[in-house]
Amino acid sequence: MVEDDGAFAGRAGLNTTHVAGEPVVELAWAIVGPARGRGLAGRAAVAAVAAARELELEEVVSFTLPDNLASRRVMEKAGLAFDRDITHAGLPHVLYRLRL
């Protein structure tokens, strides 16, 4: 859970899922309403990467629609780099990856 001045602002963390047929650990987040645009997603993503390192994971991935520039910036801030274009849920996405 992500909080902003004690109020619920969204969620962030690590999740197991499948992307393009491969099992992965996904770095995911969702920031709601007025909390958007305040850097919370970036800070939460960096914290999730730190947790992945503590868990000694080999890598984390994250993905979004190609035109979601805000999410792509969050991924890059957390240290992930563009890996490739994929199709997810029937839509084009970009996949970012960080080998730990």
Protein backbone atom coordinates (compact mmCIF):
# COMPACT_ATOMS: atom_id res chain seq x y z
CA MET A 1 0.00 0.00 0.00
CA VAL A 2 1.24 3.49 -0.84
CA GLU A 3 0.24 6.33 1.47
CA ASP A 4 0.44 10.06 1.02
CA ASP A 5 0.14 12.01 4.29
CA GLY A 6 -1.60 8.98 5.82
CA ALA A 7 -4.21 8.67 3.06
CA PHE A 8 -4.41 5.71 0.67
CA ALA A 9 -2.67 6.69 -2.56
CA GLY A 10 -2.30 3.35 -4.36
CA ARG A 11 -0.39 0.12 -4.34
CA ALA A 12 3.00 -1.09 -5.48
CA GLY A 13 5.07 -4.21 -5.18
CA LEU A 14 6.26 -7.45 -6.68
CA ASN A 15 3.97 -10.04 -8.22
CA THR A 16 4.48 -13.32 -10.06
CA THR A 17 2.86 -13.48 -13.48
CA HIS A 18 3.45 -14.66 -17.03
CA VAL A 19 4.59 -12.32 -19.79
CA ALA A 20 4.89 -13.51 -23.37
CA GLY A 21 4.68 -17.07 -22.08
CA GLU A 22 7.47 -16.82 -19.51
CA PRO A 23 7.06 -16.84 -15.71
CA VAL A 24 8.40 -13.57 -14.29
CA VAL A 25 8.40 -11.39 -11.21
CA GLU A 26 6.65 -8.18 -12.14
CA LEU A 27 7.22 -4.80 -10.56
CA ALA A 28 3.75 -3.24 -10.58
CA TRP A 29 2.12 -0.11 -9.19
CA ALA A 30 -1.06 1.90 -9.38
CA ILE A 31 -1.37 5.40 -7.96
CA VAL A 32 -4.85 6.87 -7.66
CA GLY A 33 -6.47 10.26 -8.07
CA PRO A 34 -4.79 13.35 -6.70
CA ALA A 35 -1.72 11.40 -5.58
CA ARG A 36 -0.62 10.99 -9.22
CA GLY A 37 2.24 13.09 -10.51
CA ARG A 38 3.90 13.52 -7.12
CA GLY A 39 6.71 10.99 -7.47
CA LEU A 40 5.08 8.28 -5.35
CA ALA A 41 5.20 5.63 -8.07
CA GLY A 42 8.91 6.19 -8.62
CA ARG A 43 9.72 5.97 -4.93
CA ALA A 44 7.57 2.87 -4.54
CA ALA A 45 9.21 1.22 -7.56
CA VAL A 46 12.71 1.92 -6.22
CA ALA A 47 11.66 0.40 -2.86
CA ALA A 48 10.26 -2.68 -4.63
CA VAL A 49 13.55 -3.16 -6.51
CA ALA A 50 15.40 -2.94 -3.18
CA ALA A 51 13.08 -5.64 -1.82
CA ALA A 52 13.77 -7.79 -4.90
CA ARG A 53 17.51 -7.49 -4.21
CA GLU A 54 16.98 -8.48 -0.56
CA LEU A 55 15.00 -11.50 -1.76
CA GLU A 56 17.93 -12.31 -4.06
CA LEU A 57 15.72 -12.44 -7.14
CA GLU A 58 17.49 -12.80 -10.46
CA GLU A 59 15.43 -10.15 -12.24
CA VAL A 60 12.23 -8.13 -12.30
CA VAL A 61 10.18 -6.93 -15.24
CA SER A 62 7.53 -4.32 -15.80
CA PHE A 63 5.35 -3.56 -18.80
CA THR A 64 2.95 -0.93 -20.04
CA LEU A 65 1.28 0.38 -23.15
CA PRO A 66 3.82 2.01 -25.47
CA ASP A 67 2.41 5.53 -25.11
CA ASN A 68 2.32 5.48 -21.28
CA LEU A 69 5.37 7.70 -20.92
CA ALA A 70 4.84 8.28 -17.19
CA SER A 71 5.05 4.56 -16.44
CA ARG A 72 8.07 4.18 -18.70
CA ARG A 73 9.82 6.95 -16.72
CA VAL A 74 8.99 5.16 -13.46
CA MET A 75 10.52 1.94 -14.82
CA GLU A 76 13.67 3.76 -15.86
CA LYS A 77 13.92 5.56 -12.51
CA ALA A 78 13.79 2.15 -10.81
CA GLY A 79 16.68 0.94 -13.00
CA LEU A 80 14.78 -1.12 -15.56
CA ALA A 81 15.64 -0.83 -19.24
CA PHE A 82 13.61 -1.43 -22.38
CA ASP A 83 13.82 -5.10 -23.36
CA ARG A 84 11.38 -5.55 -26.24
CA ASP A 85 7.90 -4.98 -27.62
CA ILE A 86 5.36 -7.62 -26.59
CA THR A 87 1.65 -8.34 -26.86
CA HIS A 88 -0.10 -8.63 -23.50
CA ALA A 89 -3.84 -9.10 -23.00
CA GLY A 90 -4.24 -8.69 -26.75
CA LEU A 91 -2.64 -5.22 -26.78
CA PRO A 92 0.83 -3.97 -27.73
CA HIS A 93 3.04 -3.34 -24.69
CA VAL A 94 6.66 -2.51 -24.00
CA LEU A 95 8.59 -4.81 -21.66
CA TYR A 96 11.28 -3.44 -19.37
CA ARG A 97 13.71 -5.66 -17.45
CA LEU A 98 16.27 -5.36 -14.66
CA ARG A 99 18.71 -8.19 -14.02
CA LEU A 100 19.69 -8.07 -10.37
